[in-house]
Each structure stands twice: as structure tokens, then as C-alpha cells.
C-alpha atoms as a PDB file:
ATOM      1  CA  MET A   1     206.822 230.292 -67.016  1.00  0.00           C
ATOM      2  CA  SER A   2     205.349 231.920 -70.615  1.00  0.00           C
ATOM      3  CA  LYS A   3     204.567 235.809 -70.645  1.00  0.00           C
ATOM      4  CA  SER A   4     200.851 234.202 -71.440  1.00  0.00           C
ATOM      5  CA  LEU A   5     200.180 232.050 -68.618  1.00  0.00           C
ATOM      6  CA  GLN A   6     201.896 235.016 -66.352  1.00  0.00           C
ATOM      7  CA  ALA A   7     198.868 237.504 -67.379  1.00  0.00           C
ATOM      8  CA  HIS A   8     196.657 235.021 -66.580  1.00  0.00           C
ATOM      9  CA  ARG A   9     197.727 233.969 -63.108  1.00  0.00           C
ATOM     10  CA  LEU A  10     199.819 237.196 -61.960  1.00  0.00           C
ATOM     11  CA  ASN A  11     201.168 238.139 -58.657  1.00  0.00           C
ATOM     12  CA  MET A  12     200.636 241.596 -58.641  1.00  0.00           C
ATOM     13  CA  GLN A  13     202.352 241.976 -55.057  1.00  0.00           C
ATOM     14  CA  ALA A  14     205.738 240.816 -57.482  1.00  0.00           C
ATOM     15  CA  PHE A  15     205.224 242.038 -60.306  1.00  0.00           C
ATOM     16  CA  ALA A  16     205.063 245.735 -58.475  1.00  0.00           C
ATOM     17  CA  GLN A  17     208.153 245.096 -56.472  1.00  0.00           C
ATOM     18  CA  ASP A  18     210.032 243.602 -60.059  1.00  0.00           C
ATOM     19  CA  GLY A  19     208.951 246.910 -61.982  1.00  0.00           C
ATOM     20  CA  ALA A  20     209.582 245.379 -65.133  1.00  0.00           C
ATOM     21  CA  PRO A  21     206.957 246.022 -67.542  1.00  0.00           C
ATOM     22  CA  LEU A  22     204.717 243.420 -69.234  1.00  0.00           C
ATOM     23  CA  VAL A  23     204.751 244.083 -73.114  1.00  0.00           C
ATOM     24  CA  GLU A  24     202.805 241.855 -75.437  1.00  0.00           C
ATOM     25  CA  THR A  25     200.437 241.223 -78.258  1.00  0.00           C
ATOM     26  CA  THR A  26     197.069 239.011 -77.204  1.00  0.00           C
ATOM     27  CA  LEU A  27     195.307 237.686 -80.856  1.00  0.00           C
ATOM     28  CA  LEU A  28     191.402 238.675 -80.457  1.00  0.00           C
ATOM     29  CA  GLN A  29     190.236 235.103 -80.761  1.00  0.00           C
ATOM     30  CA  ASN A  30     191.531 234.680 -77.531  1.00  0.00           C
ATOM     31  CA  MET A  31     189.328 236.848 -76.101  1.00  0.00           C
ATOM     32  CA  GLU A  32     186.437 235.464 -76.343  1.00  0.00           C
ATOM     33  CA  ARG A  33     184.107 237.961 -75.413  1.00  0.00           C
ATOM     34  CA  LEU A  34     185.621 240.461 -77.194  1.00  0.00           C
ATOM     35  CA  ALA A  35     185.811 237.960 -79.938  1.00  0.00           C
ATOM     36  CA  GLN A  36     182.013 237.440 -80.533  1.00  0.00           C
ATOM     37  CA  GLU A  37     181.178 241.234 -80.884  1.00  0.00           C
ATOM     38  CA  ALA A  38     183.520 241.001 -83.591  1.00  0.00           C
ATOM     39  CA  HIS A  39     182.164 241.266 -87.310  1.00  0.00           C
ATOM     40  CA  GLY A  40     184.499 237.910 -88.960  1.00  0.00           C
ATOM     41  CA  LEU A  41     188.195 238.153 -87.413  1.00  0.00           C
ATOM     42  CA  GLU A  42     191.320 238.149 -89.470  1.00  0.00           C
ATOM     43  CA  PRO A  43     192.697 235.311 -87.951  1.00  0.00           C
ATOM     44  CA  ASP A  44     195.528 237.718 -87.330  1.00  0.00           C
ATOM     45  CA  SER A  45     193.358 240.423 -85.232  1.00  0.00           C
ATOM     46  CA  ALA A  46     195.470 241.121 -82.090  1.00  0.00           C
ATOM     47  CA  VAL A  47     195.539 243.594 -79.044  1.00  0.00           C
ATOM     48  CA  GLN A  48     198.755 245.180 -78.061  1.00  0.00           C
ATOM     49  CA  TRP A  49     199.072 245.845 -74.658  1.00  0.00           C
ATOM     50  CA  GLN A  50     201.475 246.816 -71.959  1.00  0.00           C
ATOM     51  CA  ALA A  51     200.968 246.512 -67.962  1.00  0.00           C
ATOM     52  CA  SER A  52     203.127 248.343 -65.102  1.00  0.00           C
ATOM     53  CA  GLY A  53     203.127 247.852 -61.541  1.00  0.00           C
ATOM     54  CA  GLU A  54     204.327 249.833 -59.002  1.00  0.00           C
ATOM     55  CA  LEU A  55     204.768 250.014 -55.246  1.00  0.00           C
ATOM     56  CA  ARG A  56     203.546 253.815 -53.386  1.00  0.00           C
ATOM     57  CA  GLY A  57     204.416 254.488 -50.456  1.00  0.00           C
ATOM     58  CA  ARG A  58     201.840 256.037 -48.028  1.00  0.00           C
ATOM     59  CA  GLU A  59     203.297 258.127 -45.112  1.00  0.00           C
ATOM     60  CA  GLY A  60     202.498 255.442 -42.158  1.00  0.00           C
ATOM     61  CA  THR A  61     201.257 252.530 -44.098  1.00  0.00           C
ATOM     62  CA  GLU A  62     202.352 249.765 -46.177  1.00  0.00           C
ATOM     63  CA  PRO A  63     203.035 250.890 -49.867  1.00  0.00           C
ATOM     64  CA  GLU A  64     200.442 250.426 -52.365  1.00  0.00           C
ATOM     65  CA  VAL A  65     199.985 248.226 -55.529  1.00  0.00           C
ATOM     66  CA  TRP A  66     199.379 250.091 -58.331  1.00  0.00           C
ATOM     67  CA  LEU A  67     199.229 248.483 -62.063  1.00  0.00           C
ATOM     68  CA  HIS A  68     199.170 250.636 -65.399  1.00  0.00           C
ATOM     69  CA  LEU A  69     197.199 248.945 -67.959  1.00  0.00           C
ATOM     70  CA  GLN A  70     196.870 250.140 -71.527  1.00  0.00           C
ATOM     71  CA  GLY A  71     195.618 248.525 -74.942  1.00  0.00           C
ATOM     72  CA  LYS A  72     194.887 249.376 -78.103  1.00  0.00           C
ATOM     73  CA  THR A  73     193.509 247.703 -81.117  1.00  0.00           C
ATOM     74  CA  THR A  74     190.775 247.568 -83.890  1.00  0.00           C
ATOM     75  CA  ILE A  75     188.175 245.404 -83.961  1.00  0.00           C
ATOM     76  CA  PRO A  76     184.925 244.766 -87.214  1.00  0.00           C
ATOM     77  CA  LEU A  77     182.119 245.908 -85.542  1.00  0.00           C
ATOM     78  CA  THR A  78     178.389 245.557 -87.658  1.00  0.00           C
ATOM     79  CA  CYS A  79     177.814 249.269 -88.512  1.00  0.00           C
ATOM     80  CA  GLN A  80     174.039 249.462 -87.707  1.00  0.00           C
ATOM     81  CA  ARG A  81     173.157 251.691 -90.607  1.00  0.00           C
ATOM     82  CA  CYS A  82     174.170 249.102 -93.529  1.00  0.00           C
ATOM     83  CA  MET A  83     174.581 246.359 -91.473  1.00  0.00           C
ATOM     84  CA  GLY A  84     178.746 245.638 -92.794  1.00  0.00           C
ATOM     85  CA  ALA A  85     181.632 245.566 -91.177  1.00  0.00           C
ATOM     86  CA  VAL A  86     182.828 248.460 -89.416  1.00  0.00           C
ATOM     87  CA  ALA A  87     186.906 249.011 -88.858  1.00  0.00           C
ATOM     88  CA  THR A  88     186.316 249.789 -84.886  1.00  0.00           C
ATOM     89  CA  PRO A  89     190.089 250.985 -82.606  1.00  0.00           C
ATOM     90  CA  LEU A  90     189.300 250.919 -79.487  1.00  0.00           C
ATOM     91  CA  GLU A  91     191.930 252.286 -76.806  1.00  0.00           C
ATOM     92  CA  MET A  92     192.692 251.898 -73.339  1.00  0.00           C
ATOM     93  CA  ASP A  93     194.659 253.543 -70.630  1.00  0.00           C
ATOM     94  CA  GLN A  94     194.073 253.087 -66.921  1.00  0.00           C
ATOM     95  CA  TRP A  95     195.217 252.728 -63.511  1.00  0.00           C
ATOM     96  CA  TYR A  96     194.474 250.570 -60.907  1.00  0.00           C
ATOM     97  CA  ARG A  97     195.417 250.561 -57.062  1.00  0.00           C
ATOM     98  CA  PHE A  98     194.731 247.394 -55.232  1.00  0.00           C
ATOM     99  CA  VAL A  99     193.459 246.887 -51.790  1.00  0.00           C
ATOM    100  CA  ALA A 100     192.957 244.339 -49.530  1.00  0.00           C
ATOM    101  CA  SER A 101     188.734 243.589 -49.576  1.00  0.00           C
ATOM    102  CA  GLU A 102     186.308 244.284 -51.457  1.00  0.00           C
ATOM    103  CA  ASP A 103     184.453 245.999 -48.082  1.00  0.00           C
ATOM    104  CA  ILE A 104     187.711 248.502 -48.279  1.00  0.00           C
ATOM    105  CA  ALA A 105     187.383 249.205 -52.139  1.00  0.00           C
ATOM    106  CA  MET A 106     183.431 249.425 -51.646  1.00  0.00           C
ATOM    107  CA  ALA A 107     184.394 252.318 -49.220  1.00  0.00           C
ATOM    108  CA  GLU A 108     187.345 254.025 -50.484  1.00  0.00           C
ATOM    109  CA  ASP A 109     185.344 253.998 -54.034  1.00  0.00           C
ATOM    110  CA  ASP A 110     183.491 257.737 -53.706  1.00  0.00           C
ATOM    111  CA  GLN A 111     186.689 259.819 -52.893  1.00  0.00           C
ATOM    112  CA  SER A 112     188.871 257.790 -55.530  1.00  0.00           C
ATOM    113  CA  GLU A 113     189.411 259.424 -59.118  1.00  0.00           C
ATOM    114  CA  GLU A 114     191.821 255.553 -59.780  1.00  0.00           C
ATOM    115  CA  ASP A 115     189.946 252.430 -60.375  1.00  0.00           C
ATOM    116  CA  LEU A 116     189.609 249.943 -57.444  1.00  0.00           C
ATOM    117  CA  LEU A 117     190.755 246.561 -57.314  1.00  0.00           C
ATOM    118  CA  VAL A 118     190.340 244.149 -54.929  1.00  0.00           C
ATOM    119  CA  MET A 119     194.419 241.783 -54.195  1.00  0.00           C
ATOM    120  CA  GLU A 120     194.504 238.093 -55.532  1.00  0.00           C
ATOM    121  CA  PRO A 121     197.070 235.757 -55.527  1.00  0.00           C
ATOM    122  CA  GLN A 122     196.390 235.245 -58.956  1.00  0.00           C
ATOM    123  CA  PHE A 123     195.325 238.157 -61.440  1.00  0.00           C
ATOM    124  CA  ASP A 124     193.673 238.070 -64.556  1.00  0.00           C
ATOM    125  CA  LEU A 125     195.765 240.836 -66.163  1.00  0.00           C
ATOM    126  CA  LEU A 126     194.106 239.713 -69.511  1.00  0.00           C
ATOM    127  CA  ALA A 127     190.509 239.018 -68.258  1.00  0.00           C
ATOM    128  CA  LEU A 128     190.698 243.149 -66.952  1.00  0.00           C
ATOM    129  CA  LEU A 129     192.061 243.616 -70.759  1.00  0.00           C
ATOM    130  CA  GLU A 130     189.006 242.201 -72.515  1.00  0.00           C
ATOM    131  CA  ASP A 131     186.703 244.185 -69.638  1.00  0.00           C
ATOM    132  CA  GLU A 132     188.471 247.821 -70.603  1.00  0.00           C
ATOM    133  CA  LEU A 133     188.235 246.684 -74.272  1.00  0.00           C
ATOM    134  CA  LEU A 134     184.288 245.963 -73.941  1.00  0.00           C
ATOM    135  CA  MET A 135     183.456 248.983 -72.006  1.00  0.00           C
ATOM    136  CA  ALA A 136     184.885 250.861 -74.826  1.00  0.00           C
ATOM    137  CA  LEU A 137     182.939 249.409 -77.525  1.00  0.00           C
ATOM    138  CA  PRO A 138     180.924 251.997 -79.030  1.00  0.00           C
ATOM    139  CA  LEU A 139     177.168 251.759 -78.321  1.00  0.00           C
ATOM    140  CA  VAL A 140     176.029 252.446 -82.030  1.00  0.00           C
ATOM    141  CA  PRO A 141     178.974 251.086 -84.369  1.00  0.00           C
ATOM    142  CA  MET A 142     178.725 253.281 -87.876  1.00  0.00           C
ATOM    143  CA  HIS A 143     180.794 254.067 -90.559  1.00  0.00           C
ATOM    144  CA  GLU A 144     180.821 257.861 -90.978  1.00  0.00           C
ATOM    145  CA  GLN A 145     179.404 257.260 -94.917  1.00  0.00           C
ATOM    146  CA  CYS A 146     178.424 253.866 -95.599  1.00  0.00           C
ATOM    147  CA  PRO A 147     180.202 252.386 -98.492  1.00  0.00           C
ATOM    148  CA  VAL A 148     177.319 250.460 -99.595  1.00  0.00           C
ATOM    149  CA  ALA A 149     173.357 252.694 -99.148  1.00  0.00           C
ATOM    150  CA  PRO A 150     171.759 251.158 -96.310  1.00  0.00           C
ATOM    151  CA  ARG A 151     168.993 248.603 -97.605  1.00  0.00           C
ATOM    152  CA  LEU A 152     165.055 248.742 -95.564  1.00  0.00           C
ATOM    153  CA  SER A 153     164.244 244.745 -94.486  1.00  0.00           C
ATOM    154  CA  VAL A 154     161.101 245.049 -95.749  1.00  0.00           C
ATOM    155  CA  GLY A 155     162.053 247.295 -99.337  1.00  0.00           C
ATOM    156  CA  GLU A 156     160.240 250.139-100.156  1.00  0.00           C
ATOM    157  CA  ASP A 157     157.791 248.282-102.687  1.00  0.00           C
ATOM    158  CA  GLY A 158     156.793 246.671-100.735  1.00  0.00           C
ATOM    159  CA  ILE A 159     155.735 248.728 -97.899  1.00  0.00           C
ATOM    160  CA  ALA A 160     153.769 250.964-100.733  1.00  0.00           C
ATOM    161  CA  GLY A 161     152.617 247.338-101.617  1.00  0.00           C
ATOM    162  CA  VAL A 162     151.216 246.393 -98.572  1.00  0.00           C
ATOM    163  CA  ALA A 163     149.596 250.156 -97.454  1.00  0.00           C
ATOM    164  CA  ALA A 164     147.834 249.174-101.385  1.00  0.00           C
ATOM    165  CA  GLU A 165     146.219 246.028-100.060  1.00  0.00           C
ATOM    166  CA  LYS A 166     145.077 247.319 -96.637  1.00  0.00           C
ATOM    167  CA  PRO A 167     141.631 249.762 -97.081  1.00  0.00           C
ATOM    168  CA  ASN A 168     141.617 252.989 -95.467  1.00  0.00           C
ATOM    169  CA  PRO A 169     140.072 252.382 -92.219  1.00  0.00           C
ATOM    170  CA  PHE A 170     138.134 256.243 -92.579  1.00  0.00           C
ATOM    171  CA  ALA A 171     137.512 255.158 -96.313  1.00  0.00           C
ATOM    172  CA  VAL A 172     135.190 251.618 -94.977  1.00  0.00           C
ATOM    173  CA  LEU A 173     133.160 254.553 -92.230  1.00  0.00           C
ATOM    174  CA  ALA A 174     132.510 256.828 -95.192  1.00  0.00           C
ATOM    175  CA  ARG A 175     130.854 253.602 -97.376  1.00  0.00           C
ATOM    176  CA  LEU A 176     129.097 252.598 -93.831  1.00  0.00           C
ATOM    177  CA  LYS A 177     127.574 256.103 -94.273  1.00  0.00           C
ATOM    178  CA  GLN A 178     126.806 256.199 -97.343  1.00  0.00           C
ATOM    179  CA  LYS A 179     124.894 252.657 -97.184  1.00  0.00           C
ATOM    180  CA  LYS A 180     122.383 254.181 -94.263  1.00  0.00           C
END
């Protein structure tokens, strides 16, 4: 089974028992939702990531399945100041603990420092990685110093011209008052 296929349909229990990490590079264009956020992608733009699973014993219960996922990339986003592309580094490093059901995850979520995920027969690791990278996107991407001066959409001359054409309402009232 290829690593890419394995990452889309991963048996987490077997992955944790095996203990061998997955270390891979995935093209950003294969992460459709993340690629939609980009201000143009180079064909070789990629995410370097690794995942490792482990079983952690708890007294009196079966060992729990844990996942450690790390990812790193740089994605071009649209600068909200100059509207040009700004290279934005994204990183994520997260631990997850798997539980048997959504009810258990909801009940234990408030007391858990780690993120809880529900155990599925075929877990999509790449979807989780993409979700985490999407959450790592800045709310307002901007250059520290824009390479070109930001342009106003109307233009400074256009604003002055509009103001000159529109009569001042107080001047109109003053003229009406003078006519009386």
C-alpha cells in the first residue's frame, strides 16, 4: 500500500502498535481546501509532515491510542494591505488521543489538555493535517513591509473629484435661507 493511500485510510490501532512513523511530503495542490486559500501555487509547493502513533497504558483499562502529528509549509496568501502575494509559513505540532465514541469525546473534552478524536476503522490523516493547517492560517495576512505602496480602489483623485461634485448640504441650506 502506498504511503499516500495509507495516510488517507489509516488503521490507527495498527499504526500505534507498529510504532513506525510516517514521514512524507504532500503537494499543496493535493490539499484542495488549503490550495484555495493560496495566492497562486508553485507546482512543487508542498507540506512536509510526520506522524507517529503510540499506545499508552492506563491502569485498569486497555492502552489508549495516541497520535503525534507535525506539519510545516509556506503558502502564498493575499496581503490584505497591498493585495500582493505574501509567503506565509505555517506550522502545526499536535498530540491527539483516540476515544471509542463521540459521546466519550464530548464528556472528556473539558478535562483533556490534548485533542480528542473518535476512533474510526479508516482514519484520514491527511484531512486532519489539512484541517490543522487551515486553522493555523493568519486571520489577516500581511507583509511586514509591503514591497509596493498600497493602492486605494477609488484612487485619491477620484475621492477629491467626487467630493467636489457633491454640494455641501449646509451650503444648500444657507442659499435657501438667503432666498427668503
